[in-house]
Amino acid sequence: EVMPEHLDWAETGPVMMTNDGGKTMLALFVGTGQQNQTDRGWRRLAFRAEPAAWWAFMHRYRESGQAIEGPVDYQKAWSVYFDDPWGNRLELTTYDCEAVAKLIKQEP
């Protein structure tokens, strides 16, 4: 079912769906056609994390020297974007914005 709390994203962003009350979510994005490309497949995979784990991952990844985009504040979620060793685009998201705000305030 479509998640009512994310209906505002459906106009320009993903349609957020769940079948277990939000514990597991699926985000459907409008994509560009692949025309005659032979390399079909997924374009980005997102993982959900608790705020402390999300924050720790973001900092560890930066400290390792790897390229990471973000954090991006979507008002209802925070995300960071990075590539795995094979070039696949990945996203790590947390939905507890209040906890992230506290972590930001604590940062030197």
PDB file of N, CA and C in Angstrom:
ATOM      1  N   GLU A   1       0.841  -1.181   0.000  1.00  0.00           N
ATOM      2  CA  GLU A   1       0.000   0.000   0.000  1.00  0.00           C
ATOM      3  C   GLU A   1       0.881   1.238   0.000  1.00  0.00           C
ATOM      4  N   VAL A   2       0.381   2.301  -0.606  1.00  0.00           N
ATOM      5  CA  VAL A   2       1.100   3.567  -0.616  1.00  0.00           C
ATOM      6  C   VAL A   2       1.062   4.151   0.792  1.00  0.00           C
ATOM      7  N   MET A   3       2.187   4.696   1.232  1.00  0.00           N
ATOM      8  CA  MET A   3       2.281   5.245   2.584  1.00  0.00           C
ATOM      9  C   MET A   3       1.737   6.668   2.586  1.00  0.00           C
ATOM     10  N   PRO A   4       0.646   6.925   3.310  1.00  0.00           N
ATOM     11  CA  PRO A   4       0.027   8.252   3.280  1.00  0.00           C
ATOM     12  C   PRO A   4       0.967   9.368   3.742  1.00  0.00           C
ATOM     13  N   GLU A   5       1.870   9.093   4.669  1.00  0.00           N
ATOM     14  CA  GLU A   5       2.769  10.137   5.169  1.00  0.00           C
ATOM     15  C   GLU A   5       3.817  10.563   4.142  1.00  0.00           C
ATOM     16  N   HIS A   6       3.907   9.839   3.025  1.00  0.00           N
ATOM     17  CA  HIS A   6       4.858  10.190   1.968  1.00  0.00           C
ATOM     18  C   HIS A   6       4.168  10.519   0.641  1.00  0.00           C
ATOM     19  N   LEU A   7       2.866  10.781   0.670  1.00  0.00           N
ATOM     20  CA  LEU A   7       2.148  11.111  -0.560  1.00  0.00           C
ATOM     21  C   LEU A   7       2.698  12.374  -1.226  1.00  0.00           C
ATOM     22  N   ASP A   8       3.195  13.317  -0.428  1.00  0.00           N
ATOM     23  CA  ASP A   8       3.714  14.559  -1.002  1.00  0.00           C
ATOM     24  C   ASP A   8       4.959  14.321  -1.865  1.00  0.00           C
ATOM     25  N   TRP A   9       5.672  13.234  -1.643  1.00  0.00           N
ATOM     26  CA  TRP A   9       6.846  12.915  -2.453  1.00  0.00           C
ATOM     27  C   TRP A   9       6.444  12.344  -3.816  1.00  0.00           C
ATOM     28  N   ALA A  10       5.260  11.811  -3.927  1.00  0.00           N
ATOM     29  CA  ALA A  10       4.856  11.097  -5.135  1.00  0.00           C
ATOM     30  C   ALA A  10       4.812  11.996  -6.372  1.00  0.00           C
ATOM     31  N   GLU A  11       4.621  13.299  -6.192  1.00  0.00           N
ATOM     32  CA  GLU A  11       4.563  14.219  -7.327  1.00  0.00           C
ATOM     33  C   GLU A  11       5.894  14.332  -8.056  1.00  0.00           C
ATOM     34  N   THR A  12       6.990  14.457  -7.305  1.00  0.00           N
ATOM     35  CA  THR A  12       8.299  14.688  -7.925  1.00  0.00           C
ATOM     36  C   THR A  12       9.333  13.634  -7.566  1.00  0.00           C
ATOM     37  N   GLY A  13       9.066  12.867  -6.546  1.00  0.00           N
ATOM     38  CA  GLY A  13      10.040  11.892  -6.077  1.00  0.00           C
ATOM     39  C   GLY A  13       9.478  10.495  -6.099  1.00  0.00           C
ATOM     40  N   PRO A  14       9.819   9.717  -5.120  1.00  0.00           N
ATOM     41  CA  PRO A  14       9.363   8.327  -5.142  1.00  0.00           C
ATOM     42  C   PRO A  14       7.938   8.159  -4.632  1.00  0.00           C
ATOM     43  N   VAL A  15       7.312   7.084  -5.086  1.00  0.00           N
ATOM     44  CA  VAL A  15       6.085   6.598  -4.474  1.00  0.00           C
ATOM     45  C   VAL A  15       6.550   5.592  -3.433  1.00  0.00           C
ATOM     46  N   MET A  16       6.254   5.864  -2.170  1.00  0.00           N
ATOM     47  CA  MET A  16       6.701   5.001  -1.074  1.00  0.00           C
ATOM     48  C   MET A  16       5.593   4.007  -0.738  1.00  0.00           C
ATOM     49  N   MET A  17       5.965   2.717  -0.719  1.00  0.00           N
ATOM     50  CA  MET A  17       4.996   1.656  -0.469  1.00  0.00           C
ATOM     51  C   MET A  17       5.497   0.755   0.649  1.00  0.00           C
ATOM     52  N   THR A  18       4.553   0.125   1.346  1.00  0.00           N
ATOM     53  CA  THR A  18       4.885  -0.825   2.409  1.00  0.00           C
ATOM     54  C   THR A  18       3.779  -1.859   2.516  1.00  0.00           C
ATOM     55  N   ASN A  19       4.123  -3.006   3.062  1.00  0.00           N
ATOM     56  CA  ASN A  19       3.076  -3.988   3.356  1.00  0.00           C
ATOM     57  C   ASN A  19       3.173  -4.457   4.803  1.00  0.00           C
ATOM     58  N   ASP A  20       4.019  -3.773   5.591  1.00  0.00           N
ATOM     59  CA  ASP A  20       4.165  -4.165   6.995  1.00  0.00           C
ATOM     60  C   ASP A  20       4.201  -2.964   7.929  1.00  0.00           C
ATOM     61  N   GLY A  21       3.435  -1.935   7.591  1.00  0.00           N
ATOM     62  CA  GLY A  21       3.337  -0.772   8.466  1.00  0.00           C
ATOM     63  C   GLY A  21       4.578   0.109   8.479  1.00  0.00           C
ATOM     64  N   GLY A  22       5.421   0.016   7.484  1.00  0.00           N
ATOM     65  CA  GLY A  22       6.588   0.881   7.395  1.00  0.00           C
ATOM     66  C   GLY A  22       7.903   0.264   7.832  1.00  0.00           C
ATOM     67  N   LYS A  23       7.882  -0.974   8.304  1.00  0.00           N
ATOM     68  CA  LYS A  23       9.142  -1.628   8.689  1.00  0.00           C
ATOM     69  C   LYS A  23      10.003  -1.889   7.460  1.00  0.00           C
ATOM     70  N   THR A  24       9.359  -2.253   6.365  1.00  0.00           N
ATOM     71  CA  THR A  24      10.024  -2.442   5.085  1.00  0.00           C
ATOM     72  C   THR A  24       9.325  -1.543   4.089  1.00  0.00           C
ATOM     73  N   MET A  25      10.118  -0.798   3.298  1.00  0.00           N
ATOM     74  CA  MET A  25       9.512   0.124   2.345  1.00  0.00           C
ATOM     75  C   MET A  25      10.128  -0.077   0.970  1.00  0.00           C
ATOM     76  N   LEU A  26       9.340   0.235  -0.031  1.00  0.00           N
ATOM     77  CA  LEU A  26       9.797   0.200  -1.411  1.00  0.00           C
ATOM     78  C   LEU A  26       9.552   1.576  -1.999  1.00  0.00           C
ATOM     79  N   ALA A  27      10.585   2.178  -2.584  1.00  0.00           N
ATOM     80  CA  ALA A  27      10.456   3.485  -3.218  1.00  0.00           C
ATOM     81  C   ALA A  27      10.520   3.291  -4.720  1.00  0.00           C
ATOM     82  N   LEU A  28       9.490   3.718  -5.422  1.00  0.00           N
ATOM     83  CA  LEU A  28       9.442   3.609  -6.872  1.00  0.00           C
ATOM     84  C   LEU A  28       9.680   4.990  -7.479  1.00  0.00           C
ATOM     85  N   PHE A  29      10.719   5.103  -8.296  1.00  0.00           N
ATOM     86  CA  PHE A  29      11.075   6.358  -8.935  1.00  0.00           C
ATOM     87  C   PHE A  29      10.766   6.276 -10.426  1.00  0.00           C
ATOM     88  N   VAL A  30      10.453   7.406 -11.031  1.00  0.00           N
ATOM     89  CA  VAL A  30      10.359   7.478 -12.476  1.00  0.00           C
ATOM     90  C   VAL A  30      11.792   7.511 -12.991  1.00  0.00           C
ATOM     91  N   GLY A  31      12.109   6.650 -13.933  1.00  0.00           N
ATOM     92  CA  GLY A  31      13.462   6.584 -14.462  1.00  0.00           C
ATOM     93  C   GLY A  31      13.508   6.940 -15.929  1.00  0.00           C
ATOM     94  N   THR A  32      14.714   6.976 -16.425  1.00  0.00           N
ATOM     95  CA  THR A  32      14.882   7.227 -17.855  1.00  0.00           C
ATOM     96  C   THR A  32      14.867   5.888 -18.573  1.00  0.00           C
ATOM     97  N   GLY A  33      14.325   5.889 -19.758  1.00  0.00           N
ATOM     98  CA  GLY A  33      14.276   4.665 -20.546  1.00  0.00           C
ATOM     99  C   GLY A  33      15.675   4.180 -20.899  1.00  0.00           C
ATOM    100  N   GLN A  34      15.831   2.886 -21.048  1.00  0.00           N
ATOM    101  CA  GLN A  34      17.138   2.307 -21.343  1.00  0.00           C
ATOM    102  C   GLN A  34      17.329   2.070 -22.831  1.00  0.00           C
ATOM    103  N   GLN A  35      16.349   2.502 -23.641  1.00  0.00           N
ATOM    104  CA  GLN A  35      16.390   2.360 -25.091  1.00  0.00           C
ATOM    105  C   GLN A  35      16.940   0.984 -25.480  1.00  0.00           C
ATOM    106  N   ASN A  36      17.987   0.967 -26.258  1.00  0.00           N
ATOM    107  CA  ASN A  36      18.534  -0.291 -26.768  1.00  0.00           C
ATOM    108  C   ASN A  36      19.723  -0.799 -25.956  1.00  0.00           C
ATOM    109  N   GLN A  37      19.894  -0.321 -24.754  1.00  0.00           N
ATOM    110  CA  GLN A  37      21.016  -0.765 -23.932  1.00  0.00           C
ATOM    111  C   GLN A  37      20.902  -2.252 -23.630  1.00  0.00           C
ATOM    112  N   THR A  38      22.028  -2.923 -23.644  1.00  0.00           N
ATOM    113  CA  THR A  38      22.028  -4.344 -23.317  1.00  0.00           C
ATOM    114  C   THR A  38      22.247  -4.577 -21.831  1.00  0.00           C
ATOM    115  N   ASP A  39      22.760  -3.576 -21.124  1.00  0.00           N
ATOM    116  CA  ASP A  39      23.028  -3.747 -19.695  1.00  0.00           C
ATOM    117  C   ASP A  39      21.838  -3.266 -18.879  1.00  0.00           C
ATOM    118  N   ARG A  40      20.891  -4.118 -18.708  1.00  0.00           N
ATOM    119  CA  ARG A  40      19.694  -3.800 -17.929  1.00  0.00           C
ATOM    120  C   ARG A  40      19.951  -4.150 -16.473  1.00  0.00           C
ATOM    121  N   GLY A  41      19.273  -3.462 -15.584  1.00  0.00           N
ATOM    122  CA  GLY A  41      19.419  -3.781 -14.179  1.00  0.00           C
ATOM    123  C   GLY A  41      18.998  -2.625 -13.301  1.00  0.00           C
ATOM    124  N   TRP A  42      19.211  -2.769 -12.029  1.00  0.00           N
ATOM    125  CA  TRP A  42      18.811  -1.746 -11.077  1.00  0.00           C
ATOM    126  C   TRP A  42      19.768  -0.569 -11.152  1.00  0.00           C
ATOM    127  N   ARG A  43      19.279   0.584 -10.771  1.00  0.00           N
ATOM    128  CA  ARG A  43      20.052   1.819 -10.861  1.00  0.00           C
ATOM    129  C   ARG A  43      20.512   2.316  -9.494  1.00  0.00           C
ATOM    130  N   ARG A  44      19.757   2.064  -8.452  1.00  0.00           N
ATOM    131  CA  ARG A  44      20.164   2.476  -7.109  1.00  0.00           C
ATOM    132  C   ARG A  44      19.406   1.627  -6.095  1.00  0.00           C
ATOM    133  N   LEU A  45      20.081   1.284  -5.041  1.00  0.00           N
ATOM    134  CA  LEU A  45      19.489   0.513  -3.962  1.00  0.00           C
ATOM    135  C   LEU A  45      19.657   1.310  -2.678  1.00  0.00           C
ATOM    136  N   ALA A  46      18.602   1.417  -1.893  1.00  0.00           N
ATOM    137  CA  ALA A  46      18.644   2.179  -0.647  1.00  0.00           C
ATOM    138  C   ALA A  46      18.476   1.241   0.537  1.00  0.00           C
ATOM    139  N   PHE A  47      19.204   1.550   1.593  1.00  0.00           N
ATOM    140  CA  PHE A  47      19.110   0.817   2.846  1.00  0.00           C
ATOM    141  C   PHE A  47      18.689   1.789   3.935  1.00  0.00           C
ATOM    142  N   ARG A  48      17.909   1.291   4.871  1.00  0.00           N
ATOM    143  CA  ARG A  48      17.456   2.096   6.000  1.00  0.00           C
ATOM    144  C   ARG A  48      18.309   1.762   7.212  1.00  0.00           C
ATOM    145  N   ALA A  49      18.655   2.783   7.993  1.00  0.00           N
ATOM    146  CA  ALA A  49      19.454   2.574   9.195  1.00  0.00           C
ATOM    147  C   ALA A  49      18.901   3.435  10.329  1.00  0.00           C
ATOM    148  N   GLU A  50      19.156   3.005  11.531  1.00  0.00           N
ATOM    149  CA  GLU A  50      18.841   3.826  12.693  1.00  0.00           C
ATOM    150  C   GLU A  50      19.790   5.026  12.685  1.00  0.00           C
ATOM    151  N   PRO A  51      19.385   6.155  13.273  1.00  0.00           N
ATOM    152  CA  PRO A  51      20.183   7.375  13.171  1.00  0.00           C
ATOM    153  C   PRO A  51      21.640   7.234  13.604  1.00  0.00           C
ATOM    154  N   ALA A  52      21.904   6.586  14.724  1.00  0.00           N
ATOM    155  CA  ALA A  52      23.289   6.470  15.204  1.00  0.00           C
ATOM    156  C   ALA A  52      24.138   5.648  14.240  1.00  0.00           C
ATOM    157  N   ALA A  53      23.581   4.579  13.690  1.00  0.00           N
ATOM    158  CA  ALA A  53      24.315   3.748  12.731  1.00  0.00           C
ATOM    159  C   ALA A  53      24.518   4.512  11.424  1.00  0.00           C
ATOM    160  N   TRP A  54      23.520   5.252  11.002  1.00  0.00           N
ATOM    161  CA  TRP A  54      23.618   6.068   9.790  1.00  0.00           C
ATOM    162  C   TRP A  54      24.723   7.108   9.943  1.00  0.00           C
ATOM    163  N   TRP A  55      24.732   7.798  11.080  1.00  0.00           N
ATOM    164  CA  TRP A  55      25.717   8.837  11.371  1.00  0.00           C
ATOM    165  C   TRP A  55      27.130   8.245  11.402  1.00  0.00           C
ATOM    166  N   ALA A  56      27.278   7.126  12.093  1.00  0.00           N
ATOM    167  CA  ALA A  56      28.595   6.481  12.205  1.00  0.00           C
ATOM    168  C   ALA A  56      29.086   6.020  10.834  1.00  0.00           C
ATOM    169  N   PHE A  57      28.199   5.437  10.028  1.00  0.00           N
ATOM    170  CA  PHE A  57      28.584   4.994   8.694  1.00  0.00           C
ATOM    171  C   PHE A  57      29.065   6.167   7.858  1.00  0.00           C
ATOM    172  N   MET A  58      28.316   7.261   7.861  1.00  0.00           N
ATOM    173  CA  MET A  58      28.664   8.430   7.061  1.00  0.00           C
ATOM    174  C   MET A  58      30.069   8.921   7.415  1.00  0.00           C
ATOM    175  N   HIS A  59      30.357   9.011   8.700  1.00  0.00           N
ATOM    176  CA  HIS A  59      31.669   9.497   9.139  1.00  0.00           C
ATOM    177  C   HIS A  59      32.783   8.495   8.836  1.00  0.00           C
ATOM    178  N   ARG A  60      32.537   7.221   9.056  1.00  0.00           N
ATOM    179  CA  ARG A  60      33.552   6.203   8.727  1.00  0.00           C
ATOM    180  C   ARG A  60      33.865   6.199   7.240  1.00  0.00           C
ATOM    181  N   TYR A  61      32.836   6.312   6.430  1.00  0.00           N
ATOM    182  CA  TYR A  61      33.025   6.297   4.974  1.00  0.00           C
ATOM    183  C   TYR A  61      33.845   7.493   4.532  1.00  0.00           C
ATOM    184  N   ARG A  62      33.533   8.666   5.060  1.00  0.00           N
ATOM    185  CA  ARG A  62      34.309   9.879   4.733  1.00  0.00           C
ATOM    186  C   ARG A  62      35.766   9.725   5.163  1.00  0.00           C
ATOM    187  N   GLU A  63      35.959   9.236   6.388  1.00  0.00           N
ATOM    188  CA  GLU A  63      37.312   9.091   6.918  1.00  0.00           C
ATOM    189  C   GLU A  63      38.134   8.084   6.133  1.00  0.00           C
ATOM    190  N   SER A  64      37.483   7.148   5.465  1.00  0.00           N
ATOM    191  CA  SER A  64      38.195   6.145   4.675  1.00  0.00           C
ATOM    192  C   SER A  64      38.698   6.725   3.356  1.00  0.00           C
ATOM    193  N   GLY A  65      38.266   7.951   3.045  1.00  0.00           N
ATOM    194  CA  GLY A  65      38.690   8.581   1.805  1.00  0.00           C
ATOM    195  C   GLY A  65      37.799   8.281   0.617  1.00  0.00           C
ATOM    196  N   GLN A  66      36.741   7.528   0.841  1.00  0.00           N
ATOM    197  CA  GLN A  66      35.805   7.191  -0.225  1.00  0.00           C
ATOM    198  C   GLN A  66      34.886   8.384  -0.506  1.00  0.00           C
ATOM    199  N   ALA A  67      34.457   8.528  -1.734  1.00  0.00           N
ATOM    200  CA  ALA A  67      33.536   9.608  -2.104  1.00  0.00           C
ATOM    201  C   ALA A  67      32.141   9.299  -1.582  1.00  0.00           C
ATOM    202  N   ILE A  68      31.543  10.276  -0.950  1.00  0.00           N
ATOM    203  CA  ILE A  68      30.181  10.138  -0.438  1.00  0.00           C
ATOM    204  C   ILE A  68      29.466  11.463  -0.668  1.00  0.00           C
ATOM    205  N   GLU A  69      28.227  11.398  -1.112  1.00  0.00           N
ATOM    206  CA  GLU A  69      27.404  12.579  -1.349  1.00  0.00           C
ATOM    207  C   GLU A  69      26.453  12.751  -0.188  1.00  0.00           C
ATOM    208  N   GLY A  70      26.359  13.955   0.292  1.00  0.00           N
ATOM    209  CA  GLY A  70      25.412  14.226   1.364  1.00  0.00           C
ATOM    210  C   GLY A  70      26.134  14.610   2.629  1.00  0.00           C
ATOM    211  N   PRO A  71      25.394  14.713   3.674  1.00  0.00           N
ATOM    212  CA  PRO A  71      24.014  14.266   3.817  1.00  0.00           C
ATOM    213  C   PRO A  71      23.020  15.214   3.155  1.00  0.00           C
ATOM    214  N   VAL A  72      21.907  14.630   2.710  1.00  0.00           N
ATOM    215  CA  VAL A  72      20.830  15.381   2.077  1.00  0.00           C
ATOM    216  C   VAL A  72      19.619  15.330   3.001  1.00  0.00           C
ATOM    217  N   ASP A  73      19.107  16.498   3.340  1.00  0.00           N
ATOM    218  CA  ASP A  73      17.944  16.609   4.217  1.00  0.00           C
ATOM    219  C   ASP A  73      16.684  16.673   3.358  1.00  0.00           C
ATOM    220  N   TYR A  74      15.860  15.626   3.427  1.00  0.00           N
ATOM    221  CA  TYR A  74      14.604  15.583   2.685  1.00  0.00           C
ATOM    222  C   TYR A  74      13.406  15.963   3.562  1.00  0.00           C
ATOM    223  N   GLN A  75      13.659  16.571   4.696  1.00  0.00           N
ATOM    224  CA  GLN A  75      12.653  17.000   5.659  1.00  0.00           C
ATOM    225  C   GLN A  75      12.051  15.840   6.457  1.00  0.00           C
ATOM    226  N   LYS A  76      11.808  14.702   5.815  1.00  0.00           N
ATOM    227  CA  LYS A  76      11.276  13.525   6.516  1.00  0.00           C
ATOM    228  C   LYS A  76      12.310  12.419   6.586  1.00  0.00           C
ATOM    229  N   ALA A  77      13.448  12.636   5.970  1.00  0.00           N
ATOM    230  CA  ALA A  77      14.505  11.620   5.940  1.00  0.00           C
ATOM    231  C   ALA A  77      15.829  12.307   5.637  1.00  0.00           C
ATOM    232  N   TRP A  78      16.912  11.660   6.040  1.00  0.00           N
ATOM    233  CA  TRP A  78      18.270  12.080   5.691  1.00  0.00           C
ATOM    234  C   TRP A  78      18.909  10.947   4.912  1.00  0.00           C
ATOM    235  N   SER A  79      19.617  11.291   3.833  1.00  0.00           N
ATOM    236  CA  SER A  79      20.260  10.273   3.002  1.00  0.00           C
ATOM    237  C   SER A  79      21.694  10.662   2.673  1.00  0.00           C
ATOM    238  N   VAL A  80      22.508   9.634   2.481  1.00  0.00           N
ATOM    239  CA  VAL A  80      23.839   9.787   1.892  1.00  0.00           C
ATOM    240  C   VAL A  80      23.914   8.810   0.724  1.00  0.00           C
ATOM    241  N   TYR A  81      24.716   9.166  -0.278  1.00  0.00           N
ATOM    242  CA  TYR A  81      24.823   8.382  -1.511  1.00  0.00           C
ATOM    243  C   TYR A  81      26.280   8.044  -1.754  1.00  0.00           C
ATOM    244  N   PHE A  82      26.526   6.826  -2.215  1.00  0.00           N
ATOM    245  CA  PHE A  82      27.891   6.372  -2.469  1.00  0.00           C
ATOM    246  C   PHE A  82      27.845   5.228  -3.461  1.00  0.00           C
ATOM    247  N   ASP A  83      28.999   4.862  -3.992  1.00  0.00           N
ATOM    248  CA  ASP A  83      29.087   3.752  -4.943  1.00  0.00           C
ATOM    249  C   ASP A  83      29.792   2.569  -4.295  1.00  0.00           C
ATOM    250  N   ASP A  84      29.309   1.360  -4.582  1.00  0.00           N
ATOM    251  CA  ASP A  84      30.023   0.179  -4.110  1.00  0.00           C
ATOM    252  C   ASP A  84      31.250  -0.039  -5.001  1.00  0.00           C
ATOM    253  N   PRO A  85      32.103  -1.002  -4.690  1.00  0.00           N
ATOM    254  CA  PRO A  85      33.331  -1.198  -5.480  1.00  0.00           C
ATOM    255  C   PRO A  85      33.084  -1.490  -6.960  1.00  0.00           C
ATOM    256  N   TRP A  86      31.879  -1.890  -7.339  1.00  0.00           N
ATOM    257  CA  TRP A  86      31.565  -2.210  -8.726  1.00  0.00           C
ATOM    258  C   TRP A  86      30.869  -1.055  -9.443  1.00  0.00           C
ATOM    259  N   GLY A  87      30.717   0.082  -8.752  1.00  0.00           N
ATOM    260  CA  GLY A  87      30.109   1.255  -9.365  1.00  0.00           C
ATOM    261  C   GLY A  87      28.602   1.345  -9.234  1.00  0.00           C
ATOM    262  N   ASN A  88      27.993   0.457  -8.454  1.00  0.00           N
ATOM    263  CA  ASN A  88      26.547   0.522  -8.238  1.00  0.00           C
ATOM    264  C   ASN A  88      26.223   1.614  -7.226  1.00  0.00           C
ATOM    265  N   ARG A  89      25.227   2.427  -7.542  1.00  0.00           N
ATOM    266  CA  ARG A  89      24.833   3.539  -6.688  1.00  0.00           C
ATOM    267  C   ARG A  89      24.026   3.011  -5.514  1.00  0.00           C
ATOM    268  N   LEU A  90      24.418   3.401  -4.300  1.00  0.00           N
ATOM    269  CA  LEU A  90      23.734   2.967  -3.085  1.00  0.00           C
ATOM    270  C   LEU A  90      23.339   4.195  -2.268  1.00  0.00           C
ATOM    271  N   GLU A  91      22.342   4.005  -1.447  1.00  0.00           N
ATOM    272  CA  GLU A  91      21.834   5.082  -0.589  1.00  0.00           C
ATOM    273  C   GLU A  91      21.615   4.519   0.801  1.00  0.00           C
ATOM    274  N   LEU A  92      22.003   5.282   1.817  1.00  0.00           N
ATOM    275  CA  LEU A  92      21.714   4.926   3.203  1.00  0.00           C
ATOM    276  C   LEU A  92      20.848   6.043   3.762  1.00  0.00           C
ATOM    277  N   THR A  93      19.682   5.678   4.288  1.00  0.00           N
ATOM    278  CA  THR A  93      18.673   6.640   4.711  1.00  0.00           C
ATOM    279  C   THR A  93      18.264   6.372   6.150  1.00  0.00           C
ATOM    280  N   THR A  94      17.975   7.444   6.868  1.00  0.00           N
ATOM    281  CA  THR A  94      17.370   7.332   8.184  1.00  0.00           C
ATOM    282  C   THR A  94      16.166   8.260   8.224  1.00  0.00           C
ATOM    283  N   TYR A  95      15.128   7.858   8.954  1.00  0.00           N
ATOM    284  CA  TYR A  95      13.881   8.620   8.976  1.00  0.00           C
ATOM    285  C   TYR A  95      13.658   9.348  10.303  1.00  0.00           C
ATOM    286  N   ASP A  96      14.575   9.210  11.244  1.00  0.00           N
ATOM    287  CA  ASP A  96      14.425   9.895  12.530  1.00  0.00           C
ATOM    288  C   ASP A  96      15.172  11.224  12.460  1.00  0.00           C
ATOM    289  N   CYS A  97      14.526  12.214  11.883  1.00  0.00           N
ATOM    290  CA  CYS A  97      15.159  13.518  11.660  1.00  0.00           C
ATOM    291  C   CYS A  97      15.475  14.243  12.963  1.00  0.00           C
ATOM    292  N   GLU A  98      14.677  14.022  13.970  1.00  0.00           N
ATOM    293  CA  GLU A  98      14.923  14.648  15.270  1.00  0.00           C
ATOM    294  C   GLU A  98      16.243  14.151  15.864  1.00  0.00           C
ATOM    295  N   ALA A  99      16.496  12.856  15.757  1.00  0.00           N
ATOM    296  CA  ALA A  99      17.748  12.302  16.264  1.00  0.00           C
ATOM    297  C   ALA A  99      18.949  12.809  15.469  1.00  0.00           C
ATOM    298  N   VAL A 100      18.787  12.955  14.156  1.00  0.00           N
ATOM    299  CA  VAL A 100      19.867  13.482  13.324  1.00  0.00           C
ATOM    300  C   VAL A 100      20.172  14.919  13.704  1.00  0.00           C
ATOM    301  N   ALA A 101      19.137  15.718  13.960  1.00  0.00           N
ATOM    302  CA  ALA A 101      19.335  17.115  14.368  1.00  0.00           C
ATOM    303  C   ALA A 101      20.164  17.174  15.639  1.00  0.00           C
ATOM    304  N   LYS A 102      19.906  16.280  16.586  1.00  0.00           N
ATOM    305  CA  LYS A 102      20.692  16.238  17.826  1.00  0.00           C
ATOM    306  C   LYS A 102      22.145  15.869  17.535  1.00  0.00           C
ATOM    307  N   LEU A 103      22.365  14.929  16.639  1.00  0.00           N
ATOM    308  CA  LEU A 103      23.730  14.527  16.285  1.00  0.00           C
ATOM    309  C   LEU A 103      24.483  15.683  15.618  1.00  0.00           C
ATOM    310  N   ILE A 104      23.782  16.432  14.778  1.00  0.00           N
ATOM    311  CA  ILE A 104      24.406  17.587  14.106  1.00  0.00           C
ATOM    312  C   ILE A 104      24.815  18.628  15.129  1.00  0.00           C
ATOM    313  N   LYS A 105      23.951  18.888  16.112  1.00  0.00           N
ATOM    314  CA  LYS A 105      24.243  19.892  17.154  1.00  0.00           C
ATOM    315  C   LYS A 105      25.434  19.487  18.012  1.00  0.00           C
ATOM    316  N   GLN A 106      25.654  18.178  18.182  1.00  0.00           N
ATOM    317  CA  GLN A 106      26.741  17.681  19.021  1.00  0.00           C
ATOM    318  C   GLN A 106      28.089  17.714  18.302  1.00  0.00           C
ATOM    319  N   GLU A 107      28.051  17.840  16.972  1.00  0.00           N
ATOM    320  CA  GLU A 107      29.287  17.787  16.200  1.00  0.00           C
ATOM    321  C   GLU A 107      30.101  19.052  16.426  1.00  0.00           C
ATOM    322  N   PRO A 108      31.413  18.885  16.618  1.00  0.00           N
ATOM    323  CA  PRO A 108      32.273  20.075  16.842  1.00  0.00           C
ATOM    324  C   PRO A 108      32.384  20.954  15.616  1.00  0.00           C
TER     325      PRO A 108
END
